[in-house]
Amino acid sequence: MKKYCKSRLAKFLGVPILFFLFLGLNPVYHFANKALRPTHTVEELMMEDPGNRMIFLIFKDKFPQDYAQIVAKAEDFMKSKNHEQDIRFFLSETIDIMLRKLPYADDDNLIAMFQEDMQLRTKLLNENDTVNCFYLEYPHLAPDISLFSKQMKPYFASIKQARVRALQSADIHRKMPDETEIAQTQDKVNQILWKKYSEQELAVINNDDEDEIKQYTAEEQALMCRFTIDTVQAILEQPKHEAAELLRFNLSH
C-alpha cells in the first residue's frame, strides 16, 4: 500500500500541473512557431503567458538550476523536427522538475494544495462525472485529450493558485523526512484504507496494465477516483505536521 500511495499522490499532483501549465493558451506551442524564433528567445516565449510567467519567475528566483534545466529543455524542443511526438517528452520532463520542488512547500500550503485537488475530484464524483475524474489521473488514455482539457480548464484556476502559493512558500533547505519518521503515520493511513476496500477492489486499484485500465467500466473508474480521494482524506485526518510530512515523503522518494 505504501508504494502505491506514493504513486497515487504523484499522479494526484502531476496531472493538474500538466493542465494548468501547458494546455490552452501557453508558451509551449509558441516554441513550434518558426515565425517567432528569429525575434523571440526561449525565455521570452516562456514568459508570454501571464499565468505561466509567475511559475517561471518563481523558479528563476528560488531554483535557478532547475530554471536553467527548463530553459534548456525548451530550447531542445524548439529544435525538434517532430513537435507532436516530442511534446509529451518535453512536458513530462518539465513537470517532473516542478514536482520535485512541491514537497519543499510549508505545511499549510502543501496541505492546501491537496485539499484543492480533492475538492475537484469530489465535485466530479458527486456529479457522476466519473469519466473526467478518472481521466484526471490518466489523461493520456482520454480518447480526445483536447476536448478533455477544454472541459477541465474552468476548474483549474484555484488549483493553479494553490500551486503558486506552494512554490512561493518552498524552502530548498527544508529537510525531507525519512521512512522511519513517517512510518507510524503511514501505517495509520494504510489501516484506514484497508478497512474501506476489499482485496478484489485493491487488485483493480493496483493494476498497472494500461491496456486493461482502458477497458475499465464506469464503476471501476469511480472506484479509482474514490480511492484517490480517500487516500488523501486519510492523510489529512492526521495531525497537520504529520500529514504534511507524509505528503512530503511520498512525493520526494
Protein backbone atom coordinates (compact mmCIF):
# COMPACT_ATOMS: atom_id res chain seq x y z
CA MET A 1 0.00 0.00 0.00
CA LYS A 2 2.83 2.37 0.83
CA LYS A 3 4.41 2.14 -2.62
CA TYR A 4 1.03 2.58 -4.26
CA CYS A 5 0.21 5.53 -2.04
CA LYS A 6 3.31 7.28 -3.36
CA SER A 7 2.29 6.64 -6.96
CA ARG A 8 -1.22 7.88 -6.23
CA LEU A 9 -0.02 11.11 -4.69
CA ALA A 10 2.37 11.84 -7.54
CA LYS A 11 -0.43 11.38 -10.07
CA PHE A 12 -2.75 13.46 -7.91
CA LEU A 13 -0.46 16.45 -8.19
CA GLY A 14 1.23 15.86 -11.50
CA VAL A 15 -1.72 15.87 -13.85
CA PRO A 16 -3.24 19.20 -12.74
CA ILE A 17 0.21 20.75 -13.10
CA LEU A 18 0.31 19.50 -16.68
CA PHE A 19 -3.02 21.06 -17.48
CA PHE A 20 -2.59 24.43 -15.82
CA LEU A 21 0.86 24.91 -17.32
CA PHE A 22 0.57 23.50 -20.79
CA LEU A 23 -2.98 23.16 -22.12
CA GLY A 24 -4.91 26.01 -23.66
CA LEU A 25 -3.02 29.28 -24.19
CA ASN A 26 0.55 28.55 -23.18
CA PRO A 27 4.12 29.11 -24.33
CA VAL A 28 4.81 25.52 -25.36
CA TYR A 29 3.06 25.82 -28.69
CA HIS A 30 4.85 29.10 -29.39
CA PHE A 31 8.09 27.11 -29.40
CA ALA A 32 6.96 25.31 -32.53
CA ASN A 33 6.14 28.54 -34.40
CA LYS A 34 9.10 29.15 -36.71
CA ALA A 35 7.94 32.69 -37.43
CA LEU A 36 8.56 33.68 -33.80
CA ARG A 37 12.02 32.17 -33.48
CA PRO A 38 14.10 34.96 -35.09
CA THR A 39 12.56 37.63 -32.82
CA HIS A 40 11.96 35.75 -29.56
CA THR A 41 14.31 33.95 -27.22
CA VAL A 42 13.12 30.83 -25.43
CA GLU A 43 12.76 32.76 -22.18
CA GLU A 44 10.66 35.42 -23.90
CA LEU A 45 8.35 32.75 -25.26
CA MET A 46 8.11 31.13 -21.83
CA MET A 47 7.07 34.44 -20.30
CA GLU A 48 4.41 35.32 -22.89
CA ASP A 49 1.51 33.80 -20.99
CA PRO A 50 0.85 35.83 -17.79
CA GLY A 51 -0.44 32.76 -16.00
CA ASN A 52 2.71 30.78 -16.63
CA ARG A 53 5.03 33.72 -16.12
CA MET A 54 4.55 33.62 -12.35
CA ILE A 55 5.56 29.95 -12.18
CA PHE A 56 8.67 30.51 -14.24
CA LEU A 57 9.65 33.62 -12.28
CA ILE A 58 9.39 31.66 -9.02
CA PHE A 59 11.71 29.03 -10.42
CA LYS A 60 14.10 31.64 -11.78
CA ASP A 61 14.29 33.26 -8.33
CA LYS A 62 14.14 30.26 -5.98
CA PHE A 63 15.51 27.40 -8.07
CA PRO A 64 17.89 28.85 -10.68
CA GLN A 65 19.44 25.48 -11.55
CA ASP A 66 16.02 23.95 -12.20
CA TYR A 67 15.01 27.01 -14.19
CA ALA A 68 18.10 26.60 -16.35
CA GLN A 69 17.10 22.98 -16.98
CA ILE A 70 13.62 24.04 -18.07
CA VAL A 71 15.05 26.65 -20.46
CA ALA A 72 17.49 24.09 -21.89
CA LYS A 73 14.70 21.57 -22.46
CA ALA A 74 12.59 24.27 -24.12
CA GLU A 75 15.50 25.10 -26.42
CA ASP A 76 15.84 21.43 -27.35
CA PHE A 77 12.11 21.29 -28.04
CA MET A 78 12.36 24.32 -30.34
CA LYS A 79 14.99 22.46 -32.38
CA SER A 80 12.78 19.40 -32.71
CA LYS A 81 11.59 18.39 -36.16
CA ASN A 82 8.68 16.42 -34.77
CA HIS A 83 6.87 18.61 -32.27
CA GLU A 84 3.78 16.43 -31.98
CA GLN A 85 5.90 13.45 -30.99
CA ASP A 86 8.33 15.30 -28.74
CA ILE A 87 5.87 17.49 -26.85
CA ARG A 88 4.87 14.72 -24.43
CA PHE A 89 8.53 14.07 -23.65
CA PHE A 90 9.13 17.78 -23.09
CA LEU A 91 6.08 18.13 -20.87
CA SER A 92 6.82 15.06 -18.76
CA GLU A 93 10.41 16.15 -18.12
CA THR A 94 9.42 19.71 -17.27
CA ILE A 95 6.62 18.59 -14.98
CA ASP A 96 8.99 16.22 -13.22
CA ILE A 97 11.34 19.12 -12.46
CA MET A 98 8.47 21.11 -10.96
CA LEU A 99 7.04 18.19 -9.00
CA ARG A 100 10.35 17.71 -7.23
CA LYS A 101 10.06 21.17 -5.67
CA LEU A 102 6.50 20.91 -4.34
CA PRO A 103 7.49 18.85 -1.25
CA TYR A 104 9.54 21.84 -0.07
CA ALA A 105 6.39 23.91 0.48
CA ASP A 106 5.44 24.75 4.06
CA ASP A 107 2.86 22.63 5.90
CA ASP A 108 -0.13 24.92 5.32
CA ASN A 109 0.41 25.42 1.61
CA LEU A 110 1.29 21.79 0.95
CA ILE A 111 -1.91 20.63 2.62
CA ALA A 112 -3.98 23.34 0.92
CA MET A 113 -2.70 22.13 -2.44
CA PHE A 114 -4.03 18.64 -1.81
CA GLN A 115 -7.31 19.98 -0.46
CA GLU A 116 -7.93 21.87 -3.69
CA ASP A 117 -7.28 18.76 -5.76
CA MET A 118 -9.50 16.65 -3.54
CA GLN A 119 -12.36 19.14 -3.79
CA LEU A 120 -12.27 18.98 -7.60
CA ARG A 121 -12.28 15.19 -7.68
CA THR A 122 -15.05 15.05 -5.09
CA LYS A 123 -17.12 17.53 -7.11
CA LEU A 124 -16.74 15.48 -10.29
CA LEU A 125 -17.57 12.25 -8.49
CA ASN A 126 -20.64 13.77 -6.80
CA GLU A 127 -21.84 14.98 -10.20
CA ASN A 128 -21.40 11.45 -11.57
CA ASP A 129 -18.71 12.72 -13.92
CA THR A 130 -16.63 9.63 -13.29
CA VAL A 131 -15.09 9.73 -16.76
CA ASN A 132 -13.38 13.09 -16.30
CA CYS A 133 -12.49 12.27 -12.70
CA PHE A 134 -10.81 9.11 -13.97
CA TYR A 135 -9.01 10.87 -16.83
CA LEU A 136 -7.54 13.38 -14.38
CA GLU A 137 -5.19 10.54 -13.46
CA TYR A 138 -4.88 9.05 -16.94
CA PRO A 139 -5.14 11.98 -19.38
CA HIS A 140 -3.08 10.11 -21.97
CA LEU A 141 -5.85 7.48 -22.09
CA ALA A 142 -8.55 10.04 -22.90
CA PRO A 143 -9.97 9.48 -26.42
CA ASP A 144 -9.79 13.23 -27.12
CA ILE A 145 -7.32 14.99 -24.82
CA SER A 146 -8.05 18.40 -26.38
CA LEU A 147 -11.75 18.08 -25.59
CA PHE A 148 -10.97 16.79 -22.12
CA SER A 149 -8.64 19.72 -21.41
CA LYS A 150 -11.31 22.21 -22.53
CA GLN A 151 -13.87 20.59 -20.24
CA MET A 152 -11.48 20.71 -17.29
CA LYS A 153 -9.99 24.15 -17.87
CA PRO A 154 -12.64 26.10 -15.87
CA TYR A 155 -11.80 24.10 -12.75
CA PHE A 156 -8.09 24.77 -12.62
CA ALA A 157 -7.88 28.42 -11.56
CA SER A 158 -7.99 27.66 -7.84
CA ILE A 159 -5.72 24.64 -8.25
CA LYS A 160 -3.19 26.77 -10.08
CA GLN A 161 -3.28 29.42 -7.35
CA ALA A 162 -2.64 26.73 -4.74
CA ARG A 163 0.40 25.53 -6.72
CA VAL A 164 1.76 29.05 -6.98
CA ARG A 165 1.39 29.63 -3.24
CA ALA A 166 3.07 26.30 -2.52
CA LEU A 167 6.03 27.13 -4.75
CA GLN A 168 6.29 30.60 -3.23
CA SER A 169 6.49 29.06 0.25
CA ALA A 170 9.05 26.45 -0.80
CA ASP A 171 12.31 26.35 1.12
CA ILE A 172 15.02 24.34 -0.63
CA HIS A 173 16.74 23.85 2.73
CA ARG A 174 13.70 22.14 4.24
CA LYS A 175 14.67 18.66 5.41
CA MET A 176 12.75 15.85 3.76
CA PRO A 177 11.57 13.13 6.19
CA ASP A 178 12.95 9.62 6.01
CA GLU A 179 10.93 6.42 6.18
CA THR A 180 11.33 5.95 9.92
CA GLU A 181 9.86 9.39 10.58
CA ILE A 182 6.65 8.77 8.67
CA ALA A 183 6.18 5.03 9.31
CA GLN A 184 3.63 5.44 12.10
CA THR A 185 1.51 7.93 10.16
CA GLN A 186 1.73 5.79 7.03
CA ASP A 187 0.53 2.77 8.99
CA LYS A 188 -2.49 4.69 10.28
CA VAL A 189 -3.40 5.69 6.73
CA ASN A 190 -2.96 2.13 5.48
CA GLN A 191 -5.25 0.80 8.20
CA ILE A 192 -7.98 3.26 7.23
CA LEU A 193 -7.77 2.25 3.56
CA TRP A 194 -7.62 -1.49 4.24
CA LYS A 195 -10.87 -1.22 6.21
CA LYS A 196 -12.61 0.58 3.35
CA TYR A 197 -11.52 -1.57 0.40
CA SER A 198 -11.69 -5.29 -0.29
CA GLU A 199 -8.83 -7.32 -1.74
CA GLN A 200 -10.72 -7.51 -5.03
CA GLU A 201 -11.09 -3.72 -5.16
CA LEU A 202 -7.43 -3.21 -4.29
CA ALA A 203 -6.47 -5.54 -7.13
CA VAL A 204 -8.34 -3.27 -9.55
CA ILE A 205 -6.78 -0.17 -7.99
CA ASN A 206 -3.24 -1.55 -8.07
CA ASN A 207 -3.42 -2.71 -11.68
CA ASP A 208 -0.64 -1.17 -13.79
CA ASP A 209 -1.69 -2.68 -17.13
CA GLU A 210 -2.90 0.30 -19.14
CA ASP A 211 -4.47 -1.87 -21.82
CA GLU A 212 -6.71 -3.30 -19.11
CA ILE A 213 -7.24 0.08 -17.46
CA LYS A 214 -8.52 1.45 -20.78
CA GLN A 215 -11.32 -1.11 -20.58
CA TYR A 216 -12.43 -0.19 -17.06
CA THR A 217 -16.16 0.16 -16.59
CA ALA A 218 -17.75 3.31 -15.17
CA GLU A 219 -17.95 1.53 -11.83
CA GLU A 220 -14.23 0.71 -11.88
CA GLN A 221 -13.37 4.25 -12.94
CA ALA A 222 -15.38 5.57 -10.00
CA LEU A 223 -13.54 3.16 -7.70
CA MET A 224 -10.20 4.61 -8.80
CA CYS A 225 -11.45 8.13 -8.12
CA ARG A 226 -12.83 7.24 -4.70
CA PHE A 227 -9.59 5.58 -3.67
CA THR A 228 -7.53 8.64 -4.58
CA ILE A 229 -9.89 10.88 -2.60
CA ASP A 230 -9.93 8.51 0.36
CA THR A 231 -6.13 8.23 0.36
CA VAL A 232 -5.70 11.98 0.63
CA GLN A 233 -8.55 12.30 3.13
CA ALA A 234 -6.98 9.64 5.35
CA ILE A 235 -3.70 11.55 5.30
CA LEU A 236 -5.33 14.89 6.05
CA GLU A 237 -7.15 13.39 9.04
CA GLN A 238 -3.78 13.05 10.76
CA PRO A 239 -2.23 15.89 12.81
CA LYS A 240 -1.19 18.70 10.46
CA HIS A 241 2.58 18.35 10.61
CA GLU A 242 2.45 14.54 10.46
CA ALA A 243 0.15 14.77 7.43
CA ALA A 244 2.44 17.25 5.70
CA GLU A 245 5.50 15.10 6.41
CA LEU A 246 3.81 12.03 4.93
CA LEU A 247 2.90 14.01 1.82
CA ARG A 248 6.49 15.19 1.55
CA PHE A 249 7.89 11.70 1.91
CA ASN A 250 5.62 10.21 -0.72
CA LEU A 251 6.39 13.00 -3.18
CA SER A 252 10.14 13.11 -2.61
CA HIS A 253 11.05 9.40 -2.60
